[in-house]
Amino acid sequence: MDSYLMFLNCPAYMDKDGAARCGLPAEVHCRYTMNSTDGPLESAKISCPRGHHFNGPIDCLTVPEQPAATAESASPPSAGQGTQPRP
């Protein structure tokens, strides 16, 4: 039997606005499979050092990586670009 430690970033929100996440490494205590109408879901029970505990599908426990904002996407469109008026 293989045994290894697995960590996920803690998905807990740290403020009321939902802008800041805990992000500390959360230890996976156990992994299991849940049945659903769409098929089996890989699930886990995790906890972080701040005391946040979660239990559910791994897809719901992981926070997608946010792409870094580029200068091009951060600037407003110049005149002549953007939406065209409807005929």
C-alpha atoms as a PDB file:
ATOM      1  CA  MET A   1       0.000   0.000   0.000  1.00  0.00           C
ATOM      2  CA  ASP A   2       1.386   3.398  -1.003  1.00  0.00           C
ATOM      3  CA  SER A   3       1.204   6.150   1.575  1.00  0.00           C
ATOM      4  CA  TYR A   4       2.112   9.754   0.925  1.00  0.00           C
ATOM      5  CA  LEU A   5       1.107  13.210   2.107  1.00  0.00           C
ATOM      6  CA  MET A   6      -1.004  15.379  -0.126  1.00  0.00           C
ATOM      7  CA  PHE A   7      -1.673  19.090   0.362  1.00  0.00           C
ATOM      8  CA  LEU A   8      -4.151  21.513  -1.223  1.00  0.00           C
ATOM      9  CA  ASN A   9      -4.324  25.279  -0.780  1.00  0.00           C
ATOM     10  CA  CYS A  10      -6.922  26.134   1.870  1.00  0.00           C
ATOM     11  CA  PRO A  11     -10.003  27.560   0.085  1.00  0.00           C
ATOM     12  CA  ALA A  12     -11.356  29.481   3.134  1.00  0.00           C
ATOM     13  CA  TYR A  13     -12.245  33.154   2.677  1.00  0.00           C
ATOM     14  CA  MET A  14     -10.485  35.475   5.128  1.00  0.00           C
ATOM     15  CA  ASP A  15     -12.732  38.533   4.696  1.00  0.00           C
ATOM     16  CA  LYS A  16     -16.425  39.304   4.303  1.00  0.00           C
ATOM     17  CA  ASP A  17     -15.989  40.516   0.702  1.00  0.00           C
ATOM     18  CA  GLY A  18     -14.580  37.198  -0.521  1.00  0.00           C
ATOM     19  CA  ALA A  19     -11.471  38.852  -1.903  1.00  0.00           C
ATOM     20  CA  ALA A  20      -8.794  37.218   0.263  1.00  0.00           C
ATOM     21  CA  ARG A  21      -8.280  33.490   0.650  1.00  0.00           C
ATOM     22  CA  CYS A  22      -6.418  31.678   3.422  1.00  0.00           C
ATOM     23  CA  GLY A  23      -4.188  29.804   0.962  1.00  0.00           C
ATOM     24  CA  LEU A  24      -2.169  27.933   3.605  1.00  0.00           C
ATOM     25  CA  PRO A  25      -1.305  24.319   2.782  1.00  0.00           C
ATOM     26  CA  ALA A  26      -4.220  22.154   3.915  1.00  0.00           C
ATOM     27  CA  GLU A  27      -3.386  18.534   4.716  1.00  0.00           C
ATOM     28  CA  VAL A  28      -5.561  15.883   3.111  1.00  0.00           C
ATOM     29  CA  HIS A  29      -6.618  13.581   5.960  1.00  0.00           C
ATOM     30  CA  CYS A  30      -8.469  11.073   3.817  1.00  0.00           C
ATOM     31  CA  ARG A  31      -9.524  10.621   0.196  1.00  0.00           C
ATOM     32  CA  TYR A  32     -12.646   8.803  -0.909  1.00  0.00           C
ATOM     33  CA  THR A  33     -15.090   8.505  -3.792  1.00  0.00           C
ATOM     34  CA  MET A  34     -18.658   9.829  -3.574  1.00  0.00           C
ATOM     35  CA  ASN A  35     -21.428   8.663  -5.877  1.00  0.00           C
ATOM     36  CA  SER A  36     -23.364  11.276  -7.822  1.00  0.00           C
ATOM     37  CA  THR A  37     -25.836  11.347 -10.690  1.00  0.00           C
ATOM     38  CA  ASP A  38     -22.970  12.398 -13.009  1.00  0.00           C
ATOM     39  CA  GLY A  39     -20.719   9.561 -11.850  1.00  0.00           C
ATOM     40  CA  PRO A  40     -18.157   9.110  -9.083  1.00  0.00           C
ATOM     41  CA  LEU A  41     -16.533  12.203  -7.547  1.00  0.00           C
ATOM     42  CA  GLU A  42     -13.047  12.147  -6.043  1.00  0.00           C
ATOM     43  CA  SER A  43     -13.458  13.711  -2.594  1.00  0.00           C
ATOM     44  CA  ALA A  44     -11.332  14.547   0.432  1.00  0.00           C
ATOM     45  CA  LYS A  45     -11.353  15.726   4.033  1.00  0.00           C
ATOM     46  CA  ILE A  46      -8.812  18.562   4.558  1.00  0.00           C
ATOM     47  CA  SER A  47      -7.688  20.953   7.299  1.00  0.00           C
ATOM     48  CA  CYS A  48      -5.183  23.830   7.461  1.00  0.00           C
ATOM     49  CA  PRO A  49      -3.029  25.116  10.352  1.00  0.00           C
ATOM     50  CA  ARG A  50      -5.460  28.023  10.985  1.00  0.00           C
ATOM     51  CA  GLY A  51      -8.167  25.496  11.879  1.00  0.00           C
ATOM     52  CA  HIS A  52     -10.258  25.579   8.697  1.00  0.00           C
ATOM     53  CA  HIS A  53     -11.809  22.180   7.928  1.00  0.00           C
ATOM     54  CA  PHE A  54     -13.503  21.108   4.697  1.00  0.00           C
ATOM     55  CA  ASN A  55     -15.017  17.880   3.433  1.00  0.00           C
ATOM     56  CA  GLY A  56     -16.238  17.448  -0.150  1.00  0.00           C
ATOM     57  CA  PRO A  57     -15.359  16.918  -3.819  1.00  0.00           C
ATOM     58  CA  ILE A  58     -11.771  17.901  -4.653  1.00  0.00           C
ATOM     59  CA  ASP A  59     -12.999  20.049  -7.556  1.00  0.00           C
ATOM     60  CA  CYS A  60     -14.878  22.186  -5.015  1.00  0.00           C
ATOM     61  CA  LEU A  61     -11.929  22.333  -2.591  1.00  0.00           C
ATOM     62  CA  THR A  62      -9.347  23.532  -5.098  1.00  0.00           C
ATOM     63  CA  VAL A  63      -9.139  27.172  -6.123  1.00  0.00           C
ATOM     64  CA  PRO A  64      -8.419  27.681  -9.826  1.00  0.00           C
ATOM     65  CA  GLU A  65      -5.230  29.617 -10.554  1.00  0.00           C
ATOM     66  CA  GLN A  66      -5.908  33.229 -11.520  1.00  0.00           C
ATOM     67  CA  PRO A  67      -3.964  34.318 -14.617  1.00  0.00           C
ATOM     68  CA  ALA A  68      -1.773  37.350 -14.073  1.00  0.00           C
ATOM     69  CA  ALA A  69      -3.313  40.529 -15.450  1.00  0.00           C
ATOM     70  CA  THR A  70      -1.470  41.839 -18.473  1.00  0.00           C
ATOM     71  CA  ALA A  71      -1.039  45.508 -19.285  1.00  0.00           C
ATOM     72  CA  GLU A  72      -2.985  44.970 -22.498  1.00  0.00           C
ATOM     73  CA  SER A  73      -6.062  43.506 -20.761  1.00  0.00           C
ATOM     74  CA  ALA A  74      -5.904  46.093 -17.944  1.00  0.00           C
ATOM     75  CA  SER A  75      -6.035  49.104 -20.271  1.00  0.00           C
ATOM     76  CA  PRO A  76      -9.362  50.380 -21.643  1.00  0.00           C
ATOM     77  CA  PRO A  77     -10.010  49.907 -25.362  1.00  0.00           C
ATOM     78  CA  SER A  78      -8.816  52.804 -27.510  1.00  0.00           C
ATOM     79  CA  ALA A  79     -11.181  54.876 -29.636  1.00  0.00           C
ATOM     80  CA  GLY A  80     -12.440  52.938 -32.625  1.00  0.00           C
ATOM     81  CA  GLN A  81     -12.123  49.573 -30.835  1.00  0.00           C
ATOM     82  CA  GLY A  82     -14.745  47.786 -28.821  1.00  0.00           C
ATOM     83  CA  THR A  83     -18.400  47.358 -29.600  1.00  0.00           C
ATOM     84  CA  GLN A  84     -19.832  48.412 -32.907  1.00  0.00           C
ATOM     85  CA  PRO A  85     -23.214  50.170 -33.053  1.00  0.00           C
ATOM     86  CA  ARG A  86     -26.066  47.936 -34.119  1.00  0.00           C
ATOM     87  CA  PRO A  87     -27.656  48.639 -37.521  1.00  0.00           C
END
